[in-house]
């Protein structure tokens, strides 16, 4: 599990990924069956991206997460073209499914 944390209280939250961060995630993917990129959005909640989801949004340097009240998180990669919606409650479900 690779964890990033934003101290910002309100949406949107931006998570920077330097080249060494991206390389570390890539190395983890080579060694492990599943890697989760977990983005802690202040006190609001947690976005959990599985390996395939992380690759799908393809962060070139940042991931932007936004959320309206009682809605799913909208996650965008650095190119802003690919986006996905992820529920706050998906974090434990994805991790437990990978452990089975």
C-alpha atoms as a PDB file:
ATOM      1  CA  UNK A   1       0.000   0.000   0.000  1.00  0.00           C
ATOM      2  CA  UNK A   2       1.367   3.361  -1.062  1.00  0.00           C
ATOM      3  CA  UNK A   3      -0.176   6.211   0.972  1.00  0.00           C
ATOM      4  CA  UNK A   4      -0.343   9.933   0.225  1.00  0.00           C
ATOM      5  CA  UNK A   5      -1.972  12.448   2.565  1.00  0.00           C
ATOM      6  CA  UNK A   6      -3.354  15.931   1.948  1.00  0.00           C
ATOM      7  CA  UNK A   7      -3.718  18.343   4.851  1.00  0.00           C
ATOM      8  CA  UNK A   8      -6.253  20.421   2.949  1.00  0.00           C
ATOM      9  CA  UNK A   9      -9.628  20.405   4.701  1.00  0.00           C
ATOM     10  CA  UNK A  10     -11.791  20.899   1.640  1.00  0.00           C
ATOM     11  CA  UNK A  11     -12.108  19.564  -1.889  1.00  0.00           C
ATOM     12  CA  UNK A  12     -10.276  19.508  -4.256  1.00  0.00           C
ATOM     13  CA  UNK A  13      -7.195  17.695  -3.022  1.00  0.00           C
ATOM     14  CA  UNK A  14      -4.082  17.461  -5.197  1.00  0.00           C
ATOM     15  CA  UNK A  15      -1.478  14.755  -4.701  1.00  0.00           C
ATOM     16  CA  UNK A  16       1.911  15.247  -6.333  1.00  0.00           C
ATOM     17  CA  UNK A  17       3.862  12.269  -7.648  1.00  0.00           C
ATOM     18  CA  UNK A  18       7.513  12.976  -8.322  1.00  0.00           C
ATOM     19  CA  UNK A  19       9.394  10.606 -10.605  1.00  0.00           C
ATOM     20  CA  UNK A  20      10.843   8.757  -7.594  1.00  0.00           C
ATOM     21  CA  UNK A  21       7.290   8.187  -6.280  1.00  0.00           C
ATOM     22  CA  UNK A  22       6.135   6.805  -9.621  1.00  0.00           C
ATOM     23  CA  UNK A  23       9.255   4.607  -9.825  1.00  0.00           C
ATOM     24  CA  UNK A  24       8.643   3.270  -6.320  1.00  0.00           C
ATOM     25  CA  UNK A  25       5.051   2.350  -7.222  1.00  0.00           C
ATOM     26  CA  UNK A  26       6.250   0.696 -10.440  1.00  0.00           C
ATOM     27  CA  UNK A  27       8.827  -1.338  -8.481  1.00  0.00           C
ATOM     28  CA  UNK A  28       6.170  -2.413  -5.978  1.00  0.00           C
ATOM     29  CA  UNK A  29       3.954  -3.558  -8.857  1.00  0.00           C
ATOM     30  CA  UNK A  30       6.780  -5.744 -10.168  1.00  0.00           C
ATOM     31  CA  UNK A  31       7.223  -7.447  -6.793  1.00  0.00           C
ATOM     32  CA  UNK A  32       3.651  -7.723  -5.530  1.00  0.00           C
ATOM     33  CA  UNK A  33       0.402  -9.147  -6.843  1.00  0.00           C
ATOM     34  CA  UNK A  34      -1.556  -5.967  -6.036  1.00  0.00           C
ATOM     35  CA  UNK A  35      -0.535  -2.455  -5.033  1.00  0.00           C
ATOM     36  CA  UNK A  36      -2.983   0.079  -3.664  1.00  0.00           C
ATOM     37  CA  UNK A  37      -2.381   3.795  -4.024  1.00  0.00           C
ATOM     38  CA  UNK A  38      -4.297   5.272  -1.109  1.00  0.00           C
ATOM     39  CA  UNK A  39      -5.072   8.983  -1.043  1.00  0.00           C
ATOM     40  CA  UNK A  40      -6.132  10.401   2.325  1.00  0.00           C
ATOM     41  CA  UNK A  41      -8.213  13.503   1.648  1.00  0.00           C
ATOM     42  CA  UNK A  42      -7.794  15.482   4.862  1.00  0.00           C
ATOM     43  CA  UNK A  43     -10.472  14.436   7.337  1.00  0.00           C
ATOM     44  CA  UNK A  44     -13.007  13.816   4.560  1.00  0.00           C
ATOM     45  CA  UNK A  45     -12.091  10.240   3.676  1.00  0.00           C
ATOM     46  CA  UNK A  46      -9.850   7.925   1.717  1.00  0.00           C
ATOM     47  CA  UNK A  47      -9.634   7.128  -1.979  1.00  0.00           C
ATOM     48  CA  UNK A  48      -8.182   3.720  -2.731  1.00  0.00           C
ATOM     49  CA  UNK A  49      -6.875   3.012  -6.229  1.00  0.00           C
ATOM     50  CA  UNK A  50      -5.965  -0.532  -7.198  1.00  0.00           C
ATOM     51  CA  UNK A  51      -3.036  -1.126  -9.541  1.00  0.00           C
ATOM     52  CA  UNK A  52      -5.219  -1.147 -12.650  1.00  0.00           C
ATOM     53  CA  UNK A  53      -7.106   1.993 -11.613  1.00  0.00           C
ATOM     54  CA  UNK A  54      -3.844   3.781 -10.915  1.00  0.00           C
ATOM     55  CA  UNK A  55      -2.564   2.850 -14.370  1.00  0.00           C
ATOM     56  CA  UNK A  56      -5.862   3.882 -15.972  1.00  0.00           C
ATOM     57  CA  UNK A  57      -5.709   7.465 -14.746  1.00  0.00           C
ATOM     58  CA  UNK A  58      -2.005   7.544 -15.547  1.00  0.00           C
ATOM     59  CA  UNK A  59      -0.667  10.289 -13.309  1.00  0.00           C
ATOM     60  CA  UNK A  60       2.023  12.235 -15.082  1.00  0.00           C
ATOM     61  CA  UNK A  61       2.873  14.119 -11.919  1.00  0.00           C
ATOM     62  CA  UNK A  62      -0.327  14.600  -9.974  1.00  0.00           C
ATOM     63  CA  UNK A  63      -3.714  13.201  -9.115  1.00  0.00           C
ATOM     64  CA  UNK A  64      -6.596  15.535  -8.357  1.00  0.00           C
ATOM     65  CA  UNK A  65      -9.469  14.366  -6.158  1.00  0.00           C
ATOM     66  CA  UNK A  66     -12.714  16.301  -5.741  1.00  0.00           C
ATOM     67  CA  UNK A  67     -15.913  15.502  -3.908  1.00  0.00           C
ATOM     68  CA  UNK A  68     -19.255  17.162  -3.388  1.00  0.00           C
ATOM     69  CA  UNK A  69     -21.220  16.505  -0.224  1.00  0.00           C
ATOM     70  CA  UNK A  70     -22.488  12.896  -0.057  1.00  0.00           C
ATOM     71  CA  UNK A  71     -21.140  12.113  -3.531  1.00  0.00           C
ATOM     72  CA  UNK A  72     -18.424   9.812  -4.816  1.00  0.00           C
ATOM     73  CA  UNK A  73     -14.905  11.119  -5.267  1.00  0.00           C
ATOM     74  CA  UNK A  74     -13.974  12.258  -8.768  1.00  0.00           C
ATOM     75  CA  UNK A  75     -10.367  11.267  -9.452  1.00  0.00           C
ATOM     76  CA  UNK A  76      -8.396  12.725 -12.357  1.00  0.00           C
ATOM     77  CA  UNK A  77      -4.867  12.040 -13.501  1.00  0.00           C
ATOM     78  CA  UNK A  78      -2.339  14.612 -14.588  1.00  0.00           C
ATOM     79  CA  UNK A  79      -3.621  14.668 -18.161  1.00  0.00           C
ATOM     80  CA  UNK A  80      -7.155  15.470 -16.873  1.00  0.00           C
ATOM     81  CA  UNK A  81      -8.685  13.361 -19.674  1.00  0.00           C
ATOM     82  CA  UNK A  82      -9.213  10.150 -17.741  1.00  0.00           C
ATOM     83  CA  UNK A  83     -11.399  10.320 -14.697  1.00  0.00           C
ATOM     84  CA  UNK A  84     -13.164   7.864 -12.445  1.00  0.00           C
ATOM     85  CA  UNK A  85     -15.641   7.968  -9.619  1.00  0.00           C
ATOM     86  CA  UNK A  86     -14.753   6.122  -6.448  1.00  0.00           C
ATOM     87  CA  UNK A  87     -16.815   5.707  -3.312  1.00  0.00           C
ATOM     88  CA  UNK A  88     -15.408   6.445   0.130  1.00  0.00           C
ATOM     89  CA  UNK A  89     -16.422   2.966   1.296  1.00  0.00           C
ATOM     90  CA  UNK A  90     -14.427   1.154  -1.418  1.00  0.00           C
ATOM     91  CA  UNK A  91     -11.167   1.318   0.540  1.00  0.00           C
ATOM     92  CA  UNK A  92     -11.671  -1.634   2.897  1.00  0.00           C
ATOM     93  CA  UNK A  93     -13.597  -3.664   0.313  1.00  0.00           C
ATOM     94  CA  UNK A  94     -10.793  -3.539  -2.270  1.00  0.00           C
ATOM     95  CA  UNK A  95      -8.098  -4.440   0.239  1.00  0.00           C
ATOM     96  CA  UNK A  96     -10.078  -7.335   1.731  1.00  0.00           C
ATOM     97  CA  UNK A  97     -10.890  -8.682  -1.743  1.00  0.00           C
ATOM     98  CA  UNK A  98      -7.177  -8.696  -2.614  1.00  0.00           C
ATOM     99  CA  UNK A  99      -6.368 -10.626   0.564  1.00  0.00           C
ATOM    100  CA  UNK A 100      -8.768 -13.438  -0.338  1.00  0.00           C
END
